[in-house]
Amino acid sequence: MRSEKDKMLAGELYRAGDPELQALAWRAKRWMAEYNAMSVAPTAERHVKLAEIMAEVGEGAVIRPPFHCDYGMNIRLGAGVFVNFNCVLLDVVEIAIGDLTQIGPGVQILTPDHPRGAEARRDGLEFGQPIRIGANVWIGGGALLMPGVTVGDDAIIGAGAVVTRDVAAGTTVGGNPARVLKRSADDA
């Protein structure tokens, strides 16, 4: 029989209250308390701390505290990624962020999802859908990226946008729900 963790990582229905998952979440909470207390620590020390919990931390990647995540272990940061203050990355499945991507303050990247049927929700089931963000993407402050979206290279997501669908490379989107504002970022 597969563990709840295995089901979670496969994007299948799982129970978040499972003891193994609760232990991993508690580990992440302890890590966040330590990391978020490092706001005045040198960037290099914070980079080392990120590598303790994340799947991948590229050279020069920076996350400014405070920062919040579910597990940390499913987050991949490319080289030169910059994540500003007070971001939330809920990583029940993979969140991959490409090189040189810049993420504004208060952004939320959310992989967990919940069944649409009331009975399954009542039973405490949930599932995750991975989020992939390409290279050289700019995500404005307060944006929300919903489960399962992919954002192409060089895209721009406007501040406060709610991204519910994939964003093509080089495209600028904004609004709630996010819609295409411009097809190519090369005009700026």
Protein backbone atom coordinates (compact mmCIF):
# COMPACT_ATOMS: atom_id res chain seq x y z
CA MET A 1 0.00 0.00 0.00
CA ARG A 2 1.32 3.45 -0.91
CA SER A 3 1.99 6.03 1.76
CA GLU A 4 0.07 9.30 1.95
CA LYS A 5 3.36 11.06 1.12
CA ASP A 6 3.74 8.98 -2.05
CA LYS A 7 0.16 9.79 -3.04
CA MET A 8 0.75 13.50 -2.34
CA LEU A 9 3.91 13.62 -4.44
CA ALA A 10 2.11 11.81 -7.29
CA GLY A 11 -0.68 14.41 -7.32
CA GLU A 12 -3.26 11.91 -6.11
CA LEU A 13 -5.83 12.31 -3.35
CA TYR A 14 -4.14 12.06 0.06
CA ARG A 15 -4.74 12.91 3.71
CA ALA A 16 -2.66 15.86 4.91
CA GLY A 17 -3.20 14.79 8.53
CA ASP A 18 -1.08 11.68 8.01
CA PRO A 19 1.61 11.39 10.75
CA GLU A 20 4.51 11.25 8.28
CA LEU A 21 3.27 14.39 6.49
CA GLN A 22 2.62 16.14 9.80
CA ALA A 23 6.22 15.39 10.85
CA LEU A 24 7.52 16.86 7.58
CA ALA A 25 5.29 19.93 8.01
CA TRP A 26 6.55 20.37 11.59
CA ARG A 27 10.15 20.15 10.30
CA ALA A 28 9.33 22.94 7.83
CA LYS A 29 7.74 25.06 10.58
CA ARG A 30 10.87 24.79 12.71
CA TRP A 31 13.00 25.61 9.67
CA MET A 32 10.82 28.66 8.84
CA ALA A 33 11.14 29.98 12.41
CA GLU A 34 14.92 29.80 12.09
CA TYR A 35 15.03 31.18 8.54
CA ASN A 36 12.64 34.05 9.24
CA ALA A 37 14.77 35.06 12.24
CA MET A 38 17.71 35.52 9.83
CA SER A 39 16.47 38.75 8.22
CA VAL A 40 19.68 40.58 9.16
CA ALA A 41 21.98 37.63 8.36
CA PRO A 42 24.21 37.91 5.30
CA THR A 43 22.68 36.64 2.07
CA ALA A 44 25.26 33.83 1.86
CA GLU A 45 24.17 32.46 5.26
CA ARG A 46 20.52 32.56 4.23
CA HIS A 47 21.42 30.75 0.99
CA VAL A 48 23.01 27.92 3.00
CA LYS A 49 19.86 27.73 5.16
CA LEU A 50 17.64 27.49 2.05
CA ALA A 51 19.68 24.53 0.83
CA GLU A 52 18.93 22.67 4.08
CA ILE A 53 15.28 22.13 3.14
CA MET A 54 14.72 22.84 -0.56
CA ALA A 55 15.12 20.37 -3.41
CA GLU A 56 17.34 22.78 -5.33
CA VAL A 57 18.74 26.25 -4.69
CA GLY A 58 20.62 27.76 -7.62
CA GLU A 59 23.64 29.98 -7.25
CA GLY A 60 22.69 33.48 -6.12
CA ALA A 61 19.06 32.59 -5.35
CA VAL A 62 17.59 34.85 -2.64
CA ILE A 63 14.42 34.64 -0.57
CA ARG A 64 13.84 37.61 1.74
CA PRO A 65 12.24 36.68 5.07
CA PRO A 66 9.54 36.33 6.13
CA PHE A 67 8.85 33.34 3.93
CA HIS A 68 6.31 30.53 4.30
CA CYS A 69 5.99 27.06 2.75
CA ASP A 70 4.32 23.72 3.46
CA TYR A 71 7.34 21.42 3.25
CA GLY A 72 10.16 23.18 1.39
CA MET A 73 11.37 19.86 -0.01
CA ASN A 74 9.36 20.30 -3.24
CA ILE A 75 10.73 23.74 -4.16
CA ARG A 76 13.35 24.21 -6.88
CA LEU A 77 14.93 27.65 -7.31
CA GLY A 78 17.06 28.37 -10.36
CA ALA A 79 20.19 30.51 -10.35
CA GLY A 80 19.63 34.18 -9.59
CA VAL A 81 16.00 33.77 -8.48
CA PHE A 82 14.83 36.63 -6.25
CA VAL A 83 11.80 36.22 -3.97
CA ASN A 84 10.81 39.36 -2.06
CA PHE A 85 9.32 39.70 1.44
CA ASN A 86 6.30 37.77 2.71
CA CYS A 87 5.86 35.21 -0.05
CA VAL A 88 3.99 31.91 0.39
CA LEU A 89 4.96 28.82 -1.61
CA LEU A 90 2.65 25.93 -0.72
CA ASP A 91 4.57 22.97 -2.07
CA VAL A 92 2.63 19.74 -1.65
CA VAL A 93 4.03 18.91 -5.11
CA GLU A 94 6.82 20.52 -7.10
CA ILE A 95 7.21 24.26 -7.54
CA ALA A 96 9.99 24.90 -10.08
CA ILE A 97 11.18 28.47 -10.60
CA GLY A 98 13.56 29.15 -13.49
CA ASP A 99 16.79 31.14 -13.52
CA LEU A 100 16.66 34.92 -13.01
CA THR A 101 12.96 35.00 -12.15
CA GLN A 102 11.93 37.88 -9.89
CA ILE A 103 8.98 37.54 -7.52
CA GLY A 104 7.46 40.59 -5.83
CA PRO A 105 6.37 40.87 -2.20
CA GLY A 106 3.31 39.02 -0.98
CA VAL A 107 3.11 36.61 -3.92
CA GLN A 108 1.41 33.26 -3.29
CA ILE A 109 2.25 30.16 -5.33
CA LEU A 110 -0.27 27.48 -4.39
CA THR A 111 -0.06 23.83 -5.49
CA PRO A 112 -2.67 22.28 -3.11
CA ASP A 113 -6.15 21.73 -4.47
CA HIS A 114 -9.30 20.18 -3.05
CA PRO A 115 -11.92 17.83 -4.45
CA ARG A 116 -15.02 19.49 -5.85
CA GLY A 117 -17.25 16.86 -4.23
CA ALA A 118 -18.39 17.76 -0.71
CA GLU A 119 -18.03 14.22 0.62
CA ALA A 120 -14.37 13.91 -0.41
CA ARG A 121 -13.61 17.30 1.17
CA ARG A 122 -15.44 16.22 4.32
CA ASP A 123 -13.19 13.13 4.41
CA GLY A 124 -10.15 15.44 4.55
CA LEU A 125 -8.78 14.59 1.13
CA GLU A 126 -6.74 16.94 -1.02
CA PHE A 127 -4.34 16.74 -3.95
CA GLY A 128 -1.66 18.86 -5.56
CA GLN A 129 -0.90 20.12 -9.04
CA PRO A 130 2.67 21.25 -9.82
CA ILE A 131 3.53 24.81 -10.78
CA ARG A 132 6.34 25.53 -13.22
CA ILE A 133 7.68 29.03 -13.77
CA GLY A 134 10.16 29.62 -16.57
CA ALA A 135 13.33 31.70 -16.66
CA ASN A 136 13.46 35.49 -16.48
CA VAL A 137 9.83 35.81 -15.38
CA TRP A 138 8.67 38.85 -13.42
CA ILE A 139 5.79 38.32 -11.00
CA GLY A 140 4.36 41.51 -9.50
CA GLY A 141 3.52 41.95 -5.83
CA GLY A 142 0.46 40.23 -4.44
CA ALA A 143 -0.07 37.94 -7.43
CA LEU A 144 -1.61 34.49 -6.90
CA LEU A 145 -0.59 31.48 -8.98
CA MET A 146 -3.15 28.70 -8.70
CA PRO A 147 -2.55 24.93 -8.80
CA GLY A 148 -1.27 23.45 -12.03
CA VAL A 149 -0.25 26.58 -13.94
CA THR A 150 2.83 26.84 -16.09
CA VAL A 151 4.39 30.23 -16.82
CA GLY A 152 6.66 30.47 -19.87
CA ASP A 153 10.07 32.12 -20.06
CA ASP A 154 10.19 35.94 -20.11
CA ALA A 155 6.52 36.32 -19.09
CA ILE A 156 5.27 39.12 -16.85
CA ILE A 157 2.49 38.68 -14.31
CA GLY A 158 1.00 41.96 -13.16
CA ALA A 159 0.70 42.89 -9.49
CA GLY A 160 -2.40 41.39 -7.91
CA ALA A 161 -3.11 39.06 -10.82
CA VAL A 162 -4.86 35.74 -10.14
CA VAL A 163 -3.32 33.25 -12.55
CA THR A 164 -5.68 30.33 -13.17
CA ARG A 165 -4.38 29.26 -16.60
CA ASP A 166 -1.01 28.75 -18.26
CA VAL A 167 0.87 31.87 -19.37
CA ALA A 168 2.74 31.65 -22.68
CA ALA A 169 6.39 32.68 -22.97
CA GLY A 170 6.90 36.42 -23.45
CA THR A 171 3.30 37.23 -22.52
CA THR A 172 2.13 39.88 -20.03
CA VAL A 173 -0.99 39.04 -18.02
CA GLY A 174 -2.94 40.89 -15.35
CA GLY A 175 -6.29 41.01 -13.60
CA ASN A 176 -8.62 38.57 -11.85
CA PRO A 177 -8.72 36.13 -13.46
CA ALA A 178 -5.50 36.99 -15.28
CA ARG A 179 -5.89 37.69 -18.98
CA VAL A 180 -3.41 38.55 -21.72
CA LEU A 181 -2.46 42.22 -21.81
CA LYS A 182 0.46 41.99 -24.22
CA ARG A 183 1.83 39.17 -26.36
CA SER A 184 5.54 40.06 -26.26
CA ALA A 185 7.66 41.59 -23.50
CA ASP A 186 10.29 42.68 -26.06
CA ASP A 187 8.40 45.93 -26.79
CA ALA A 188 9.28 47.49 -23.40
